Protein backbone atom coordinates (compact mmCIF):
# COMPACT_ATOMS: atom_id res chain seq x y z
CA UNK A 1 12.32 10.99 -9.07
CA UNK A 2 15.38 13.26 -8.95
CA UNK A 3 16.17 12.80 -5.23
CA UNK A 4 19.10 10.76 -4.01
CA UNK A 5 19.81 8.95 -0.77
CA UNK A 6 21.64 11.91 0.76
CA UNK A 7 18.40 13.90 0.81
CA UNK A 8 17.09 11.61 3.58
CA UNK A 9 20.02 12.16 5.98
CA UNK A 10 18.32 15.02 7.92
CA UNK A 11 15.40 12.67 8.66
CA UNK A 12 17.10 9.33 9.42
CA UNK A 13 20.70 10.27 10.24
CA UNK A 14 24.13 9.75 8.66
CA UNK A 15 24.65 6.25 10.08
CA UNK A 16 21.59 4.93 8.27
CA UNK A 17 22.73 6.43 4.96
CA UNK A 18 26.25 5.01 5.36
CA UNK A 19 24.85 1.55 6.09
CA UNK A 20 22.67 1.63 2.97
CA UNK A 21 25.60 2.60 0.74
CA UNK A 22 27.68 -0.18 2.32
CA UNK A 23 25.01 -2.78 1.56
CA UNK A 24 24.51 -1.44 -1.96
CA UNK A 25 28.21 -1.93 -2.73
CA UNK A 26 27.77 -5.67 -2.07
CA UNK A 27 25.23 -5.83 -4.90
CA UNK A 28 27.05 -3.67 -7.43
CA UNK A 29 26.72 -5.21 -10.88
CA UNK A 30 23.60 -7.20 -9.98
CA UNK A 31 20.32 -6.57 -11.84
CA UNK A 32 17.11 -6.53 -9.79
CA UNK A 33 14.07 -6.87 -12.06
CA UNK A 34 10.65 -5.93 -10.64
CA UNK A 35 7.44 -6.92 -12.44
CA UNK A 36 3.91 -5.82 -11.52
CA UNK A 37 0.59 -5.04 -13.24
CA UNK A 38 0.46 -1.23 -13.38
CA UNK A 39 2.64 1.88 -13.18
CA UNK A 40 -0.20 4.08 -11.89
CA UNK A 41 -2.50 3.77 -8.90
CA UNK A 42 -2.28 1.63 -5.79
CA UNK A 43 0.42 1.04 -3.21
CA UNK A 44 2.59 -1.36 -5.24
CA UNK A 45 3.20 1.11 -8.05
CA UNK A 46 3.87 3.86 -5.52
CA UNK A 47 6.42 1.73 -3.64
CA UNK A 48 8.29 0.82 -6.82
CA UNK A 49 8.21 4.41 -8.07
CA UNK A 50 10.03 5.47 -4.91
CA UNK A 51 12.23 2.44 -4.25
CA UNK A 52 13.70 1.71 -7.68
CA UNK A 53 15.54 5.09 -7.99
CA UNK A 54 17.09 4.72 -4.52
CA UNK A 55 18.26 1.18 -5.31
CA UNK A 56 20.01 2.65 -8.32
CA UNK A 57 21.50 5.41 -6.20
CA UNK A 58 23.26 2.88 -3.95
CA UNK A 59 24.71 1.07 -6.97
CA UNK A 60 22.10 -1.61 -7.69
CA UNK A 61 20.88 -1.94 -11.29
CA UNK A 62 17.16 -1.94 -10.40
CA UNK A 63 14.55 -2.02 -13.16
CA UNK A 64 10.77 -2.14 -13.39
CA UNK A 65 8.60 -3.90 -15.98
CA UNK A 66 4.80 -4.03 -16.26
CA UNK A 67 2.72 -6.87 -17.70
CA UNK A 68 -0.18 -6.27 -20.05
CA UNK A 69 -3.78 -7.42 -19.72
CA UNK A 70 -7.21 -6.67 -21.14
CA UNK A 71 -10.26 -5.45 -19.23
CA UNK A 72 -11.53 -8.97 -18.63
CA UNK A 73 -8.17 -10.02 -17.17
CA UNK A 74 -8.23 -7.20 -14.63
CA UNK A 75 -11.83 -7.99 -13.70
CA UNK A 76 -10.69 -11.51 -12.94
CA UNK A 77 -7.64 -10.42 -10.95
CA UNK A 78 -9.86 -8.04 -8.97
CA UNK A 79 -11.96 -11.07 -8.02
CA UNK A 80 -8.70 -12.83 -7.09
CA UNK A 81 -7.78 -9.85 -4.92
CA UNK A 82 -11.09 -9.94 -3.07
CA UNK A 83 -11.06 -13.73 -2.67
CA UNK A 84 -7.49 -13.69 -1.34
CA UNK A 85 -8.77 -11.32 1.34
CA UNK A 86 -11.46 -13.87 2.20
CA UNK A 87 -14.43 -12.43 0.27
CA UNK A 88 -16.90 -14.83 -1.36
CA UNK A 89 -16.29 -14.45 -5.09
CA UNK A 90 -17.54 -16.78 -7.83
CA UNK A 91 -14.43 -17.68 -9.84
CA UNK A 92 -15.30 -20.01 -12.70
CA UNK A 93 -13.17 -22.46 -14.66
CA UNK A 94 -13.44 -20.06 -17.60
CA UNK A 95 -11.94 -17.26 -15.48
CA UNK A 96 -9.01 -19.46 -14.49
CA UNK A 97 -8.55 -20.35 -18.16
CA UNK A 98 -8.53 -16.68 -19.24
CA UNK A 99 -6.09 -15.80 -16.44
CA UNK A 100 -3.70 -18.49 -17.66
CA UNK A 101 -4.19 -17.44 -21.28
CA UNK A 102 -3.14 -13.84 -20.54
CA UNK A 103 -0.32 -15.25 -18.43
CA UNK A 104 0.94 -17.17 -21.46
CA UNK A 105 0.91 -13.98 -23.53
CA UNK A 106 2.96 -12.20 -20.89
CA UNK A 107 5.37 -15.13 -20.65
CA UNK A 108 6.02 -14.74 -24.39
CA UNK A 109 6.33 -10.93 -24.22
CA UNK A 110 8.34 -10.45 -21.02
CA UNK A 111 12.09 -10.67 -21.15
CA UNK A 112 13.66 -12.03 -17.97
CA UNK A 113 17.10 -10.49 -17.48
CA UNK A 114 17.48 -9.90 -13.73
CA UNK A 115 19.88 -11.70 -11.42
CA UNK A 116 16.97 -11.47 -9.00
CA UNK A 117 13.40 -11.32 -10.33
CA UNK A 118 10.77 -9.86 -7.99
CA UNK A 119 7.20 -10.61 -9.08
CA UNK A 120 4.60 -8.47 -7.30
CA UNK A 121 1.17 -9.90 -6.41
CA UNK A 122 -0.96 -12.46 -8.29
CA UNK A 123 -1.39 -10.71 -11.65
CA UNK A 124 2.09 -11.65 -13.03
CA UNK A 125 2.57 -14.76 -10.88
CA UNK A 126 2.61 -17.19 -13.84
CA UNK A 127 5.87 -15.66 -15.11
CA UNK A 128 7.59 -18.18 -12.82
CA UNK A 129 7.10 -20.65 -15.67
CA UNK A 130 10.04 -18.90 -17.34
CA UNK A 131 12.31 -20.00 -14.50
CA UNK A 132 15.18 -22.24 -15.56
CA UNK A 133 18.29 -23.48 -13.78
CA UNK A 134 20.48 -20.51 -14.70
CA UNK A 135 21.30 -19.14 -11.25
CA UNK A 136 18.62 -16.43 -11.23
CA UNK A 137 16.66 -16.09 -8.01
CA UNK A 138 12.91 -15.56 -8.14
CA UNK A 139 10.91 -13.98 -5.33
CA UNK A 140 7.16 -13.51 -5.09
CA UNK A 141 6.28 -10.30 -3.28
CA UNK A 142 2.74 -10.69 -1.87
CA UNK A 143 1.28 -7.31 -0.89
CA UNK A 144 -2.17 -8.64 0.12
CA UNK A 145 -3.45 -10.41 3.22
CA UNK A 146 -3.84 -14.07 2.21
CA UNK A 147 -4.37 -15.40 5.74
CA UNK A 148 -8.07 -15.98 4.97
CA UNK A 149 -7.76 -16.71 1.24
CA UNK A 150 -10.51 -18.80 -0.37
CA UNK A 151 -9.24 -22.36 -0.50
CA UNK A 152 -9.82 -23.10 -4.19
CA UNK A 153 -8.06 -19.93 -5.34
CA UNK A 154 -5.11 -20.46 -3.02
CA UNK A 155 -4.76 -24.04 -4.27
CA UNK A 156 -4.64 -22.68 -7.83
CA UNK A 157 -1.98 -20.05 -7.01
CA UNK A 158 0.02 -22.36 -4.75
CA UNK A 159 1.28 -24.39 -7.71
CA UNK A 160 3.05 -21.25 -8.95
CA UNK A 161 4.12 -19.89 -5.54
CA UNK A 162 5.96 -23.10 -4.60
CA UNK A 163 8.29 -22.71 -7.60
CA UNK A 164 9.72 -19.41 -6.33
CA UNK A 165 12.93 -19.24 -4.29
CA UNK A 166 11.19 -17.19 -1.62
CA UNK A 167 8.06 -15.23 -0.71
CA UNK A 168 7.88 -11.78 0.94
CA UNK A 169 4.91 -10.91 3.14
CA UNK A 170 4.05 -7.53 4.68
CA UNK A 171 3.04 -9.05 8.02
CA UNK A 172 3.80 -12.32 9.80
CA UNK A 173 0.06 -13.03 10.11
CA UNK A 174 -0.18 -13.33 6.30
CA UNK A 175 2.23 -16.27 6.23
CA UNK A 176 1.10 -19.67 4.90
CA UNK A 177 2.62 -23.13 5.05
CA UNK A 178 4.95 -23.14 2.05
CA UNK A 179 7.88 -25.27 0.85
CA UNK A 180 9.97 -22.13 0.19
CA UNK A 181 11.66 -19.52 2.39
CA UNK A 182 9.48 -16.71 3.69
CA UNK A 183 10.54 -13.15 4.55
CA UNK A 184 8.84 -10.29 6.38
CA UNK A 185 9.26 -6.84 4.82
CA UNK A 186 6.69 -4.17 5.62
CA UNK A 187 5.98 -1.50 2.99
CA UNK A 188 6.99 2.11 3.50
CA UNK A 189 6.28 5.72 2.62
CA UNK A 190 8.61 8.28 1.11
CA UNK A 191 8.74 11.29 3.48
CA UNK A 192 10.06 13.54 0.70
CA UNK A 193 7.48 12.69 -1.95
CA UNK A 194 4.79 15.12 -3.05
CA UNK A 195 2.31 13.06 -1.07
CA UNK A 196 4.20 13.35 2.22
CA UNK A 197 6.39 16.47 2.16
CA UNK A 198 5.52 19.59 4.14
CA UNK A 199 3.13 21.92 2.31
CA UNK A 200 2.68 25.69 2.70
CA UNK A 201 -0.69 26.80 4.03
CA UNK A 202 -1.54 28.57 0.77
CA UNK A 203 -1.23 25.26 -1.12
CA UNK A 204 -3.50 23.48 1.35
CA UNK A 205 -6.03 26.32 1.21
CA UNK A 206 -6.03 26.25 -2.59
CA UNK A 207 -6.79 22.52 -2.64
CA UNK A 208 -9.64 22.93 -0.16
CA UNK A 209 -11.09 25.77 -2.23
CA UNK A 210 -10.84 23.70 -5.42
CA UNK A 211 -12.94 20.92 -3.92
CA UNK A 212 -15.37 23.18 -2.06
CA UNK A 213 -14.29 22.09 1.42
CA UNK A 214 -14.86 24.47 4.35
CA UNK A 215 -11.44 25.20 5.95
CA UNK A 216 -13.07 26.36 9.19
CA UNK A 217 -15.09 23.19 9.86
CA UNK A 218 -13.68 20.06 11.56
CA UNK A 219 -13.00 17.41 8.94
CA UNK A 220 -13.04 13.62 8.99
CA UNK A 221 -11.07 12.28 6.03
CA UNK A 222 -10.57 8.89 4.40
CA UNK A 223 -8.20 8.59 1.44
CA UNK A 224 -8.43 5.29 -0.44
CA UNK A 225 -9.33 3.63 -3.69
CA UNK A 226 -13.09 3.22 -4.10
CA UNK A 227 -13.00 -0.43 -3.07
CA UNK A 228 -15.59 -2.26 -0.98
CA UNK A 229 -12.81 -3.64 1.23
CA UNK A 230 -12.00 -0.04 2.23
CA UNK A 231 -15.67 0.32 3.32
CA UNK A 232 -16.29 3.93 2.23
CA UNK A 233 -20.04 3.34 2.64
CA UNK A 234 -19.39 2.34 6.27
CA UNK A 235 -17.48 5.61 6.75
CA UNK A 236 -20.52 7.56 5.55
CA UNK A 237 -22.68 5.65 8.06
CA UNK A 238 -20.22 6.38 10.89
CA UNK A 239 -20.16 10.05 9.92
CA UNK A 240 -23.94 10.27 10.22
CA UNK A 241 -23.70 8.97 13.80
CA UNK A 242 -21.04 11.57 14.64
CA UNK A 243 -23.04 14.43 13.07
CA UNK A 244 -25.59 14.10 15.86
CA UNK A 245 -23.00 15.53 18.24
CA UNK A 246 -20.50 17.50 16.11
CA UNK A 247 -20.84 20.05 13.35
CA UNK A 248 -18.24 18.53 11.03
CA UNK A 249 -17.73 17.45 7.42
CA UNK A 250 -16.58 14.24 5.74
CA UNK A 251 -14.08 13.98 2.89
CA UNK A 252 -13.80 10.72 0.94
CA UNK A 253 -11.13 10.93 -1.75
CA UNK A 254 -9.45 8.49 -4.08
CA UNK A 255 -8.23 7.94 -7.61
CA UNK A 256 -8.43 5.19 -10.22
CA UNK A 257 -5.99 2.29 -10.37
CA UNK A 258 -5.44 0.91 -13.87
CA UNK A 259 -5.87 -2.68 -12.62
CA UNK A 260 -9.07 -2.05 -10.59
CA UNK A 261 -12.24 -2.12 -12.73
CA UNK A 262 -14.68 -1.70 -9.80
CA UNK A 263 -13.95 1.96 -9.05
CA UNK A 264 -16.98 3.47 -10.80
CA UNK A 265 -19.39 0.94 -9.33
CA UNK A 266 -18.23 1.52 -5.75
CA UNK A 267 -18.05 5.28 -6.29
CA UNK A 268 -21.70 5.25 -7.38
CA UNK A 269 -22.66 3.34 -4.22
CA UNK A 270 -20.87 5.89 -2.04
CA UNK A 271 -22.54 8.84 -3.76
CA UNK A 272 -25.92 7.17 -3.38
CA UNK A 273 -25.34 6.68 0.36
CA UNK A 274 -24.16 10.30 0.72
CA UNK A 275 -27.55 11.31 -0.73
CA UNK A 276 -26.54 14.86 -1.62
CA UNK A 277 -25.47 15.81 1.92
CA UNK A 278 -23.48 19.09 1.47
CA UNK A 279 -21.19 18.07 4.35
CA UNK A 280 -20.11 14.88 2.57
CA UNK A 281 -17.49 15.47 -0.13
CA UNK A 282 -16.96 12.44 -2.39
CA UNK A 283 -13.93 13.20 -4.55
CA UNK A 284 -12.36 11.39 -7.49
CA UNK A 285 -8.94 12.97 -7.81
CA UNK A 286 -7.40 13.06 -11.31
CA UNK A 287 -3.97 11.39 -11.58
CA UNK A 288 -2.17 14.62 -12.49
CA UNK A 289 -3.24 16.21 -9.17
CA UNK A 290 -3.24 13.14 -6.97
CA UNK A 291 -0.19 13.44 -4.72
CA UNK A 292 -0.31 17.12 -3.76
CA UNK A 293 -4.10 17.04 -3.38
CA UNK A 294 -3.99 13.93 -1.16
CA UNK A 295 -1.25 15.51 0.93
CA UNK A 296 -3.27 18.69 1.39
CA UNK A 297 -6.47 16.80 2.24
CA UNK A 298 -4.67 14.72 4.88
CA UNK A 299 -2.95 17.75 6.40
CA UNK A 300 -6.24 19.65 6.62
CA UNK A 301 -8.01 16.75 8.37
CA UNK A 302 -8.99 16.84 12.02
CA UNK A 303 -9.17 13.02 12.13
CA UNK A 304 -8.05 10.58 9.44
CA UNK A 305 -9.97 7.32 9.01
CA UNK A 306 -9.10 4.06 7.26
CA UNK A 307 -12.08 1.82 7.93
CA UNK A 308 -10.88 -1.19 5.96
CA UNK A 309 -12.57 -4.55 6.46
CA UNK A 310 -9.64 -6.33 4.79
CA UNK A 311 -6.23 -4.83 4.10
CA UNK A 312 -2.83 -5.82 2.78
CA UNK A 313 -0.97 -3.11 4.65
CA UNK A 314 -2.63 0.25 4.07
CA UNK A 315 0.20 2.71 3.46
CA UNK A 316 -2.28 5.57 3.62
CA UNK A 317 -2.31 4.98 7.38
CA UNK A 318 1.44 5.59 7.66
CA UNK A 319 1.02 8.69 5.51
CA UNK A 320 -1.49 10.15 7.97
CA UNK A 321 0.55 9.13 11.03
CA UNK A 322 3.64 10.77 9.52
CA UNK A 323 1.67 14.01 9.23
CA UNK A 324 0.88 13.80 12.97
CA UNK A 325 -2.81 13.21 12.44
CA UNK A 326 -4.95 11.26 14.93
CA UNK A 327 -6.07 8.11 13.13
CA UNK A 328 -8.98 5.68 13.50
CA UNK A 329 -8.54 2.51 11.45
CA UNK A 330 -9.89 -0.99 11.00
CA UNK A 331 -8.07 -3.66 13.02
CA UNK A 332 -7.26 -5.76 9.95
CA UNK A 333 -4.25 -6.79 7.86
CA UNK A 334 -1.13 -4.71 8.39
CA UNK A 335 -2.94 -1.78 10.00
CA UNK A 336 -2.33 -2.93 13.64
CA UNK A 337 1.41 -2.85 12.91
CA UNK A 338 1.05 0.88 12.27
CA UNK A 339 -1.75 1.77 14.66
CA UNK A 340 -0.88 0.44 18.08
CA UNK A 341 -4.27 0.81 19.75
CA UNK A 342 -4.41 3.67 22.24
CA UNK A 343 -0.72 4.53 21.69
CA UNK A 344 -0.37 5.65 18.05
CA UNK A 345 -4.06 5.71 17.12
CA UNK A 346 -7.36 3.92 17.71
CA UNK A 347 -8.49 0.64 16.13
CA UNK A 348 -12.11 -0.14 15.33
CA UNK A 349 -14.15 -3.21 14.40
CA UNK A 350 -17.52 -1.79 13.29
CA UNK A 351 -19.34 1.30 12.06
CA UNK A 352 -20.40 2.09 15.63
CA UNK A 353 -16.87 1.53 16.92
CA UNK A 354 -15.44 3.83 14.28
CA UNK A 355 -17.98 6.53 15.15
CA UNK A 356 -17.23 6.24 18.88
CA UNK A 357 -13.46 6.50 18.33
CA UNK A 358 -13.74 9.48 15.96
CA UNK A 359 -16.06 11.24 18.39
CA UNK A 360 -13.56 10.65 21.21
CA UNK A 361 -10.73 12.24 19.20
CA UNK A 362 -12.89 15.21 18.25
CA UNK A 363 -13.75 15.79 21.91
CA UNK A 364 -10.39 15.04 23.59
CA UNK A 365 -7.93 17.27 21.72
CA UNK A 366 -4.96 16.73 24.06
CA UNK A 367 -5.33 12.94 23.81
CA UNK A 368 -5.55 13.19 20.01
CA UNK A 369 -2.35 15.27 19.89
CA UNK A 370 -0.55 12.79 22.17
CA UNK A 371 -1.48 9.87 19.90
CA UNK A 372 -0.40 11.81 16.83
CA UNK A 373 3.00 12.69 18.29
CA UNK A 374 3.68 9.06 19.19
CA UNK A 375 2.55 8.02 15.73
CA UNK A 376 5.01 10.16 13.81
CA UNK A 377 7.99 8.74 15.70
CA UNK A 378 6.65 5.20 15.22
CA UNK A 379 6.58 5.77 11.46
CA UNK A 380 10.03 7.40 11.45
CA UNK A 381 11.53 4.31 13.09
CA UNK A 382 9.65 1.63 11.17
CA UNK A 383 7.89 2.68 7.98
CA UNK A 384 10.06 5.10 6.03
CA UNK A 385 11.55 4.29 2.64
CA UNK A 386 15.11 4.00 3.99
CA UNK A 387 14.14 1.07 6.27
CA UNK A 388 12.41 -0.60 3.32
CA UNK A 389 15.52 -0.12 1.19
CA UNK A 390 17.72 -1.67 3.90
CA UNK A 391 15.46 -4.73 4.15
CA UNK A 392 15.45 -5.26 0.39
CA UNK A 393 19.22 -4.90 0.14
CA UNK A 394 19.75 -7.41 2.95
CA UNK A 395 17.34 -9.86 1.31
CA UNK A 396 18.94 -9.50 -2.12
CA UNK A 397 22.37 -10.14 -0.61
CA UNK A 398 21.06 -13.24 1.17
CA UNK A 399 19.43 -14.64 -1.97
CA UNK A 400 22.43 -14.02 -4.23
CA UNK A 401 24.96 -15.58 -1.82
CA UNK A 402 24.63 -19.35 -1.60
CA UNK A 403 26.45 -21.05 1.21
CA UNK A 404 26.23 -22.03 4.87
CA UNK A 405 24.02 -19.13 5.94
CA UNK A 406 26.87 -16.81 6.98
CA UNK A 407 27.35 -13.85 4.66
CA UNK A 408 30.69 -12.11 5.09
CA UNK A 409 30.29 -8.46 4.15
């Protein structure tokens, strides 16, 4: 990313930019090392892709490393992901053994050099075994909702979590009883990225033409990985209820994440449920086109849906709200932080509830516009990259300054 912090001043104001540079000066010379499981696909990679360059721009030596793992490892961590969200997954002793075995390989391969080491999600969690008493601070950044985690899996992970110096959650409701400090930092979107910047009409029209989408017909759109927890099949069912009353079309679009082996299986289920309906567009967007195409599909939508049944945060919701789109979303995980029901969007709890809310927004255009206007300001104040950067800088300062709790800047 070639942008620098100054590019955001027209959006957030000079005072915010000055504050970020001030905080960055207090960390000059410090190395912040981030470690996750993939550079492509999913919200974690997207956050780091945007955040690391801005940390560098304010004077912090921020770096990003990725662990390695085979197909079997990522199948196991996908089961971990689902089970942490409360799904019933059969995780055998052999799976735990293989997870630890790959963890040992990554412990041997990964150099730890940061003054602060931020480990993202469960895949690289075992790297904490490299922690020694050398003054480095270790933080586990949990991006998923573990409030209903399966007990056996959480017990397994807890032995690693408790060795960190702190844990970051995206929402207070994800917090667990832990013997370490806990911090609340919500994720964010980059308003200047290809996925969120303003697009000319000709670009939007070209994307719609490429995917065979009718630009004149009202469109219901869900953008997400093909993951059962995102409930794309439920969106198809809701669409069929709406079609009884509205001549509209459905767009389901997503890409592949390198650490998610279930994409093809779920995609096949969605296509089967769509059953060849010409008004249902099930798209798998190639990585090289992902950001601009997603942006165009969101901007062309009449209503954006995110019918998750479990969710860590769901940045795609903030993306749609930023584009002033009326949103209907599942009342789970971090989504209610973004969608304040009946003020910045509508929350739903079922297929029928989703259909009712979408139908309401299609019928009541003024109400939909009012929600969308509120939503954009809500995102500007709370879920842009500059707020995320400020929170991280403040946390890094707190963790690297031992003392009586008062940090003199």
